[in-house]
Amino acid sequence: MNYYIRLFHLLFAFFDQFTNKKICNFFKKKIKNKKITLIDVGGHKGETINLYSKNFTIDKIYSFEPNPFIYKNLKAKSSNNVFTYNLGVGNEEKTEDLNIVVDSQSSTFNKISEQSKYFLLKKKLLLPFSKKKYSFKQSVKIIKLSNFINENNISNIDILKIDTEGYEYNVLKGINNDHFKLINFILLEHHYDNMIDKDYSFSDICNILKKNNFALKFKSKMYFRKTFEYIFENLN
């Protein structure tokens, strides 16, 4: 991996631990001592698996990562109660191009705006002396979360975590109303920068969650980014 990308990841990981601590403290107060079932959409290299396995007693974790080039890192986290899948999650079953970028944490199904200030800044920081392309496309399979829940007979989801670089609304649209009732908390990351072209806004996310009786209970801005972490709680 490029030296600048490694440095970039280490810097963000250092500051993200403070946000992660606040999130874990929120869930510890709410969930207390029970075993949890977690669905991790956007598993990357297994950071969420590591964090929640350290802080909670795990019943099951289902983790999805569409990028085939980093999936081996996630697969290495598999165990008798941690299940990993080289799949994307969206609002329909299909095959779609994933925009894979040199900073693997920013790979996305959405179109990347290569003339945006944020894109040009990241490219300058991560590939300062290189003519290497910042991104390329890879065709990957996408599933609907409701189909997965049915196929695996999942009856309870304590936490649904969604970190999909601008594809969060599509993930939520792939959940049937009855399956929303199985979810206690939804943790999602939402970007406000202009690098990723989205055909929805945060209010669209709020509307679909409000319709399914979820209320916003936590909000935290991530360091150095126009990105927020949100937690919604099922009020049923």
C-alpha atoms as a PDB file:
ATOM      1  CA  MET A   1       0.000   0.000   0.000  1.00  0.00           C
ATOM      2  CA  ASN A   2       1.142   3.523  -0.786  1.00  0.00           C
ATOM      3  CA  TYR A   3       2.990   5.155   2.157  1.00  0.00           C
ATOM      4  CA  TYR A   4       0.686   8.179   2.121  1.00  0.00           C
ATOM      5  CA  ILE A   5      -2.414   5.986   2.209  1.00  0.00           C
ATOM      6  CA  ARG A   6      -1.080   4.049   5.214  1.00  0.00           C
ATOM      7  CA  LEU A   7      -0.345   7.309   6.999  1.00  0.00           C
ATOM      8  CA  PHE A   8      -3.820   8.610   6.086  1.00  0.00           C
ATOM      9  CA  HIS A   9      -5.479   5.474   7.520  1.00  0.00           C
ATOM     10  CA  LEU A  10      -3.426   5.586  10.717  1.00  0.00           C
ATOM     11  CA  LEU A  11      -4.286   9.241  11.301  1.00  0.00           C
ATOM     12  CA  PHE A  12      -8.001   8.715  10.776  1.00  0.00           C
ATOM     13  CA  ALA A  13      -7.992   5.515  12.855  1.00  0.00           C
ATOM     14  CA  PHE A  14      -6.433   7.423  15.770  1.00  0.00           C
ATOM     15  CA  PHE A  15      -9.140  10.088  15.782  1.00  0.00           C
ATOM     16  CA  ASP A  16     -11.983   7.688  14.923  1.00  0.00           C
ATOM     17  CA  GLN A  17     -11.330   5.774  18.128  1.00  0.00           C
ATOM     18  CA  PHE A  18     -12.801   8.697  20.083  1.00  0.00           C
ATOM     19  CA  THR A  19     -16.017   8.579  18.056  1.00  0.00           C
ATOM     20  CA  ASN A  20     -16.115   4.781  18.370  1.00  0.00           C
ATOM     21  CA  LYS A  21     -15.769   5.045  22.141  1.00  0.00           C
ATOM     22  CA  LYS A  22     -18.793   7.358  22.320  1.00  0.00           C
ATOM     23  CA  ILE A  23     -20.808   4.971  20.141  1.00  0.00           C
ATOM     24  CA  CYS A  24     -19.856   1.945  22.240  1.00  0.00           C
ATOM     25  CA  ASN A  25     -20.743   3.788  25.443  1.00  0.00           C
ATOM     26  CA  PHE A  26     -24.162   4.631  23.981  1.00  0.00           C
ATOM     27  CA  PHE A  27     -24.836   0.980  23.138  1.00  0.00           C
ATOM     28  CA  LYS A  28     -23.523  -0.287  26.482  1.00  0.00           C
ATOM     29  CA  LYS A  29     -26.074   1.856  28.299  1.00  0.00           C
ATOM     30  CA  LYS A  30     -28.876   0.674  26.013  1.00  0.00           C
ATOM     31  CA  ILE A  31     -28.024  -2.990  25.487  1.00  0.00           C
ATOM     32  CA  LYS A  32     -26.313  -3.694  28.816  1.00  0.00           C
ATOM     33  CA  ASN A  33     -25.145  -7.299  29.293  1.00  0.00           C
ATOM     34  CA  LYS A  34     -27.028  -9.292  26.646  1.00  0.00           C
ATOM     35  CA  LYS A  35     -25.458 -11.115  23.729  1.00  0.00           C
ATOM     36  CA  ILE A  36     -25.860  -9.076  20.572  1.00  0.00           C
ATOM     37  CA  THR A  37     -26.567  -9.847  16.938  1.00  0.00           C
ATOM     38  CA  LEU A  38     -24.960  -7.351  14.575  1.00  0.00           C
ATOM     39  CA  ILE A  39     -25.326  -6.909  10.817  1.00  0.00           C
ATOM     40  CA  ASP A  40     -22.323  -5.042   9.453  1.00  0.00           C
ATOM     41  CA  VAL A  41     -22.917  -3.550   5.991  1.00  0.00           C
ATOM     42  CA  GLY A  42     -19.581  -2.215   4.786  1.00  0.00           C
ATOM     43  CA  GLY A  43     -17.273  -4.496   6.750  1.00  0.00           C
ATOM     44  CA  HIS A  44     -14.079  -3.265   5.057  1.00  0.00           C
ATOM     45  CA  LYS A  45     -11.180  -5.156   6.690  1.00  0.00           C
ATOM     46  CA  GLY A  46     -13.039  -6.147   9.845  1.00  0.00           C
ATOM     47  CA  GLU A  47     -12.722  -3.014  11.957  1.00  0.00           C
ATOM     48  CA  THR A  48     -16.321  -3.255  13.192  1.00  0.00           C
ATOM     49  CA  ILE A  49     -15.899  -6.948  14.032  1.00  0.00           C
ATOM     50  CA  ASN A  50     -12.809  -6.117  16.094  1.00  0.00           C
ATOM     51  CA  LEU A  51     -14.470  -3.199  17.893  1.00  0.00           C
ATOM     52  CA  TYR A  52     -17.703  -4.941  18.857  1.00  0.00           C
ATOM     53  CA  SER A  53     -16.065  -8.265  19.727  1.00  0.00           C
ATOM     54  CA  LYS A  54     -13.870  -6.345  22.163  1.00  0.00           C
ATOM     55  CA  ASN A  55     -16.684  -4.359  23.752  1.00  0.00           C
ATOM     56  CA  PHE A  56     -19.702  -6.699  23.677  1.00  0.00           C
ATOM     57  CA  THR A  57     -20.656 -10.326  24.069  1.00  0.00           C
ATOM     58  CA  ILE A  58     -21.411 -11.517  20.564  1.00  0.00           C
ATOM     59  CA  ASP A  59     -24.153 -13.901  19.563  1.00  0.00           C
ATOM     60  CA  LYS A  60     -23.692 -13.480  15.808  1.00  0.00           C
ATOM     61  CA  ILE A  61     -22.125 -10.998  13.388  1.00  0.00           C
ATOM     62  CA  TYR A  62     -23.006 -10.956   9.685  1.00  0.00           C
ATOM     63  CA  SER A  63     -20.528  -8.770   7.802  1.00  0.00           C
ATOM     64  CA  PHE A  64     -20.677  -7.705   4.132  1.00  0.00           C
ATOM     65  CA  GLU A  65     -17.853  -6.243   2.031  1.00  0.00           C
ATOM     66  CA  PRO A  66     -18.231  -5.903  -1.772  1.00  0.00           C
ATOM     67  CA  ASN A  67     -14.596  -5.046  -2.584  1.00  0.00           C
ATOM     68  CA  PRO A  68     -13.019  -8.391  -3.619  1.00  0.00           C
ATOM     69  CA  PHE A  69      -9.488  -7.046  -3.231  1.00  0.00           C
ATOM     70  CA  ILE A  70      -9.799  -6.436   0.512  1.00  0.00           C
ATOM     71  CA  TYR A  71     -12.379  -9.113   1.311  1.00  0.00           C
ATOM     72  CA  LYS A  72      -9.601 -11.565   2.250  1.00  0.00           C
ATOM     73  CA  ASN A  73      -8.895  -9.350   5.278  1.00  0.00           C
ATOM     74  CA  LEU A  74     -12.523  -9.556   6.345  1.00  0.00           C
ATOM     75  CA  LYS A  75     -12.785 -13.283   5.655  1.00  0.00           C
ATOM     76  CA  ALA A  76      -9.882 -13.887   8.047  1.00  0.00           C
ATOM     77  CA  LYS A  77     -12.197 -12.675  10.846  1.00  0.00           C
ATOM     78  CA  SER A  78     -14.723 -15.483  10.194  1.00  0.00           C
ATOM     79  CA  SER A  79     -15.470 -17.862  13.060  1.00  0.00           C
ATOM     80  CA  ASN A  80     -18.270 -20.032  14.398  1.00  0.00           C
ATOM     81  CA  ASN A  81     -20.350 -16.935  15.148  1.00  0.00           C
ATOM     82  CA  VAL A  82     -18.882 -14.386  12.709  1.00  0.00           C
ATOM     83  CA  PHE A  83     -20.012 -14.797   9.098  1.00  0.00           C
ATOM     84  CA  THR A  84     -18.511 -12.775   6.243  1.00  0.00           C
ATOM     85  CA  TYR A  85     -19.742 -12.237   2.685  1.00  0.00           C
ATOM     86  CA  ASN A  86     -18.100 -10.765  -0.416  1.00  0.00           C
ATOM     87  CA  LEU A  87     -21.328  -9.007  -1.399  1.00  0.00           C
ATOM     88  CA  GLY A  88     -22.841  -5.562  -1.645  1.00  0.00           C
ATOM     89  CA  VAL A  89     -26.188  -4.721  -0.047  1.00  0.00           C
ATOM     90  CA  GLY A  90     -28.818  -2.562  -1.743  1.00  0.00           C
ATOM     91  CA  ASN A  91     -32.450  -2.176  -2.741  1.00  0.00           C
ATOM     92  CA  GLU A  92     -32.525  -4.972  -5.342  1.00  0.00           C
ATOM     93  CA  GLU A  93     -30.716  -8.185  -6.280  1.00  0.00           C
ATOM     94  CA  LYS A  94     -28.369  -7.354  -9.159  1.00  0.00           C
ATOM     95  CA  THR A  95     -24.799  -6.984 -10.354  1.00  0.00           C
ATOM     96  CA  GLU A  96     -23.380  -3.467 -10.313  1.00  0.00           C
ATOM     97  CA  ASP A  97     -20.051  -1.698 -10.787  1.00  0.00           C
ATOM     98  CA  LEU A  98     -18.233  -0.766  -7.597  1.00  0.00           C
ATOM     99  CA  ASN A  99     -15.911   2.239  -7.873  1.00  0.00           C
ATOM    100  CA  ILE A 100     -12.808   0.943  -6.107  1.00  0.00           C
ATOM    101  CA  VAL A 101     -10.440   3.721  -5.031  1.00  0.00           C
ATOM    102  CA  VAL A 102      -6.867   3.615  -3.789  1.00  0.00           C
ATOM    103  CA  ASP A 103      -8.184   4.596  -0.378  1.00  0.00           C
ATOM    104  CA  SER A 104     -10.266   1.415   0.013  1.00  0.00           C
ATOM    105  CA  GLN A 105     -12.399   2.971   2.752  1.00  0.00           C
ATOM    106  CA  SER A 106     -13.909   5.303   0.146  1.00  0.00           C
ATOM    107  CA  SER A 107     -14.963   2.708  -2.444  1.00  0.00           C
ATOM    108  CA  THR A 108     -18.564   3.288  -3.502  1.00  0.00           C
ATOM    109  CA  PHE A 109     -21.371   2.183  -5.811  1.00  0.00           C
ATOM    110  CA  ASN A 110     -22.158   5.840  -6.409  1.00  0.00           C
ATOM    111  CA  LYS A 111     -20.641   7.980  -9.131  1.00  0.00           C
ATOM    112  CA  ILE A 112     -17.497   9.811  -8.013  1.00  0.00           C
ATOM    113  CA  SER A 113     -17.316  13.502  -8.872  1.00  0.00           C
ATOM    114  CA  GLU A 114     -13.693  13.761 -10.016  1.00  0.00           C
ATOM    115  CA  GLN A 115     -13.841  17.550 -10.356  1.00  0.00           C
ATOM    116  CA  SER A 116     -15.021  18.138  -6.796  1.00  0.00           C
ATOM    117  CA  LYS A 117     -12.680  19.935  -4.417  1.00  0.00           C
ATOM    118  CA  TYR A 118     -12.748  17.057  -1.941  1.00  0.00           C
ATOM    119  CA  PHE A 119     -11.815  14.487  -4.605  1.00  0.00           C
ATOM    120  CA  LEU A 120      -8.958  16.607  -5.911  1.00  0.00           C
ATOM    121  CA  LEU A 121      -7.686  17.189  -2.374  1.00  0.00           C
ATOM    122  CA  LYS A 122      -7.733  13.463  -1.507  1.00  0.00           C
ATOM    123  CA  LYS A 123      -5.992  12.558  -4.748  1.00  0.00           C
ATOM    124  CA  LYS A 124      -3.314  15.174  -4.103  1.00  0.00           C
ATOM    125  CA  LEU A 125      -2.771  13.904  -0.549  1.00  0.00           C
ATOM    126  CA  LEU A 126      -2.800  10.181  -1.353  1.00  0.00           C
ATOM    127  CA  LEU A 127      -1.084  10.134  -4.745  1.00  0.00           C
ATOM    128  CA  PRO A 128       1.108  13.242  -4.616  1.00  0.00           C
ATOM    129  CA  PHE A 129       3.817  12.069  -7.017  1.00  0.00           C
ATOM    130  CA  SER A 130       1.979   9.467  -9.033  1.00  0.00           C
ATOM    131  CA  LYS A 131       0.000   9.357 -12.258  1.00  0.00           C
ATOM    132  CA  LYS A 132      -1.804   6.226 -11.066  1.00  0.00           C
ATOM    133  CA  LYS A 133      -5.583   6.283 -11.464  1.00  0.00           C
ATOM    134  CA  TYR A 134      -7.408   7.037  -8.242  1.00  0.00           C
ATOM    135  CA  SER A 135     -10.249   4.629  -8.996  1.00  0.00           C
ATOM    136  CA  PHE A 136     -11.364   1.768 -11.248  1.00  0.00           C
ATOM    137  CA  LYS A 137     -14.572  -0.254 -11.646  1.00  0.00           C
ATOM    138  CA  GLN A 138     -15.214  -3.829 -10.554  1.00  0.00           C
ATOM    139  CA  SER A 139     -18.492  -5.683 -11.130  1.00  0.00           C
ATOM    140  CA  VAL A 140     -19.893  -7.155  -7.885  1.00  0.00           C
ATOM    141  CA  LYS A 141     -23.085  -8.845  -6.713  1.00  0.00           C
ATOM    142  CA  ILE A 142     -25.636  -6.940  -4.618  1.00  0.00           C
ATOM    143  CA  ILE A 143     -28.331  -8.522  -2.431  1.00  0.00           C
ATOM    144  CA  LYS A 144     -31.371  -7.204  -0.556  1.00  0.00           C
ATOM    145  CA  LEU A 145     -31.057  -7.372   3.209  1.00  0.00           C
ATOM    146  CA  SER A 146     -34.639  -8.619   3.625  1.00  0.00           C
ATOM    147  CA  ASN A 147     -33.914 -11.611   1.395  1.00  0.00           C
ATOM    148  CA  PHE A 148     -30.846 -12.409   3.479  1.00  0.00           C
ATOM    149  CA  ILE A 149     -32.833 -12.141   6.723  1.00  0.00           C
ATOM    150  CA  ASN A 150     -35.433 -14.575   5.380  1.00  0.00           C
ATOM    151  CA  GLU A 151     -32.889 -17.047   4.027  1.00  0.00           C
ATOM    152  CA  ASN A 152     -31.006 -17.156   7.329  1.00  0.00           C
ATOM    153  CA  ASN A 153     -34.065 -17.145   9.618  1.00  0.00           C
ATOM    154  CA  ILE A 154     -32.838 -14.098  11.534  1.00  0.00           C
ATOM    155  CA  SER A 155     -35.396 -13.116  14.176  1.00  0.00           C
ATOM    156  CA  ASN A 156     -33.555 -10.319  16.002  1.00  0.00           C
ATOM    157  CA  ILE A 157     -30.974  -7.688  15.035  1.00  0.00           C
ATOM    158  CA  ASP A 158     -29.622  -5.626  17.906  1.00  0.00           C
ATOM    159  CA  ILE A 159     -27.524  -3.340  15.686  1.00  0.00           C
ATOM    160  CA  LEU A 160     -27.592  -2.748  11.950  1.00  0.00           C
ATOM    161  CA  LYS A 161     -24.448  -0.825  11.013  1.00  0.00           C
ATOM    162  CA  ILE A 162     -24.318   0.787   7.552  1.00  0.00           C
ATOM    163  CA  ASP A 163     -21.137   2.380   6.195  1.00  0.00           C
ATOM    164  CA  THR A 164     -21.444   2.335   2.410  1.00  0.00           C
ATOM    165  CA  GLU A 165     -20.049   5.655   1.177  1.00  0.00           C
ATOM    166  CA  GLY A 166     -23.262   7.143  -0.143  1.00  0.00           C
ATOM    167  CA  TYR A 167     -25.328   3.966  -0.596  1.00  0.00           C
ATOM    168  CA  GLU A 168     -27.063   3.991   2.794  1.00  0.00           C
ATOM    169  CA  TYR A 169     -30.510   4.886   1.461  1.00  0.00           C
ATOM    170  CA  ASN A 170     -30.365   2.003  -1.021  1.00  0.00           C
ATOM    171  CA  VAL A 171     -29.547  -0.420   1.815  1.00  0.00           C
ATOM    172  CA  LEU A 172     -32.538   0.807   3.805  1.00  0.00           C
ATOM    173  CA  LYS A 173     -34.862   0.516   0.798  1.00  0.00           C
ATOM    174  CA  GLY A 174     -33.917  -3.164   0.632  1.00  0.00           C
ATOM    175  CA  ILE A 175     -35.512  -3.803   4.046  1.00  0.00           C
ATOM    176  CA  ASN A 176     -39.193  -4.753   4.216  1.00  0.00           C
ATOM    177  CA  ASN A 177     -41.408  -3.029   6.784  1.00  0.00           C
ATOM    178  CA  ASP A 178     -41.786  -6.260   8.795  1.00  0.00           C
ATOM    179  CA  HIS A 179     -38.009  -6.668   8.971  1.00  0.00           C
ATOM    180  CA  PHE A 180     -37.499  -3.143  10.306  1.00  0.00           C
ATOM    181  CA  LYS A 181     -39.415  -4.391  13.366  1.00  0.00           C
ATOM    182  CA  LEU A 182     -36.602  -6.891  14.047  1.00  0.00           C
ATOM    183  CA  ILE A 183     -33.968  -4.150  14.296  1.00  0.00           C
ATOM    184  CA  ASN A 184     -33.340  -2.383  17.604  1.00  0.00           C
ATOM    185  CA  PHE A 185     -30.732   0.174  16.509  1.00  0.00           C
ATOM    186  CA  ILE A 186     -29.414   1.458  13.184  1.00  0.00           C
ATOM    187  CA  LEU A 187     -25.947   3.010  13.138  1.00  0.00           C
ATOM    188  CA  LEU A 188     -25.094   4.737   9.884  1.00  0.00           C
ATOM    189  CA  GLU A 189     -22.491   7.029   8.464  1.00  0.00           C
ATOM    190  CA  HIS A 190     -23.586   9.863   6.176  1.00  0.00           C
ATOM    191  CA  HIS A 191     -21.343  12.055   4.016  1.00  0.00           C
ATOM    192  CA  TYR A 192     -22.015  15.711   3.241  1.00  0.00           C
ATOM    193  CA  ASP A 193     -18.966  16.275   1.028  1.00  0.00           C
ATOM    194  CA  ASN A 194     -19.369  16.682  -2.733  1.00  0.00           C
ATOM    195  CA  MET A 195     -17.087  13.845  -3.857  1.00  0.00           C
ATOM    196  CA  ILE A 196     -19.889  11.273  -4.055  1.00  0.00           C
ATOM    197  CA  ASP A 197     -22.944  11.943  -6.215  1.00  0.00           C
ATOM    198  CA  LYS A 198     -26.090  10.844  -4.364  1.00  0.00           C
ATOM    199  CA  ASP A 199     -29.689  11.007  -5.573  1.00  0.00           C
ATOM    200  CA  TYR A 200     -31.035  11.398  -2.046  1.00  0.00           C
ATOM    201  CA  SER A 201     -30.529  13.546   1.036  1.00  0.00           C
ATOM    202  CA  PHE A 202     -30.268  12.820   4.739  1.00  0.00           C
ATOM    203  CA  SER A 203     -33.913  13.848   5.103  1.00  0.00           C
ATOM    204  CA  ASP A 204     -34.871  10.914   2.829  1.00  0.00           C
ATOM    205  CA  ILE A 205     -33.090   8.572   5.244  1.00  0.00           C
ATOM    206  CA  CYS A 206     -34.864  10.166   8.196  1.00  0.00           C
ATOM    207  CA  ASN A 207     -38.236   9.831   6.467  1.00  0.00           C
ATOM    208  CA  ILE A 208     -37.923   6.104   5.777  1.00  0.00           C
ATOM    209  CA  LEU A 209     -36.761   5.494   9.342  1.00  0.00           C
ATOM    210  CA  LYS A 210     -39.459   7.689  10.884  1.00  0.00           C
ATOM    211  CA  LYS A 211     -42.044   5.799   8.833  1.00  0.00           C
ATOM    212  CA  ASN A 212     -40.783   2.604  10.473  1.00  0.00           C
ATOM    213  CA  ASN A 213     -40.892   4.134  13.981  1.00  0.00           C
ATOM    214  CA  PHE A 214     -37.185   4.900  14.423  1.00  0.00           C
ATOM    215  CA  ALA A 215     -36.006   8.064  16.179  1.00  0.00           C
ATOM    216  CA  LEU A 216     -32.616   9.764  16.048  1.00  0.00           C
ATOM    217  CA  LYS A 217     -30.814   9.305  19.385  1.00  0.00           C
ATOM    218  CA  PHE A 218     -27.135  10.016  18.681  1.00  0.00           C
ATOM    219  CA  LYS A 219     -25.105  12.240  16.376  1.00  0.00           C
ATOM    220  CA  SER A 220     -21.354  12.767  16.162  1.00  0.00           C
ATOM    221  CA  LYS A 221     -19.205  14.526  13.559  1.00  0.00           C
ATOM    222  CA  MET A 222     -16.120  12.631  12.428  1.00  0.00           C
ATOM    223  CA  TYR A 223     -12.796  14.453  12.615  1.00  0.00           C
ATOM    224  CA  PHE A 224     -11.485  16.241   9.490  1.00  0.00           C
ATOM    225  CA  ARG A 225     -14.456  15.165   7.347  1.00  0.00           C
ATOM    226  CA  LYS A 226     -17.907  16.406   6.428  1.00  0.00           C
ATOM    227  CA  THR A 227     -19.210  13.096   7.749  1.00  0.00           C
ATOM    228  CA  PHE A 228     -21.479  12.222  10.686  1.00  0.00           C
ATOM    229  CA  GLU A 229     -22.282   9.059  12.593  1.00  0.00           C
ATOM    230  CA  TYR A 230     -25.968   8.678  13.525  1.00  0.00           C
ATOM    231  CA  ILE A 231     -27.784   6.156  15.700  1.00  0.00           C
ATOM    232  CA  PHE A 232     -31.524   5.611  15.311  1.00  0.00           C
ATOM    233  CA  GLU A 233     -33.513   3.624  17.892  1.00  0.00           C
ATOM    234  CA  ASN A 234     -36.599   1.539  17.217  1.00  0.00           C
ATOM    235  CA  LEU A 235     -39.355   2.959  19.453  1.00  0.00           C
ATOM    236  CA  ASN A 236     -41.535  -0.161  19.301  1.00  0.00           C
END
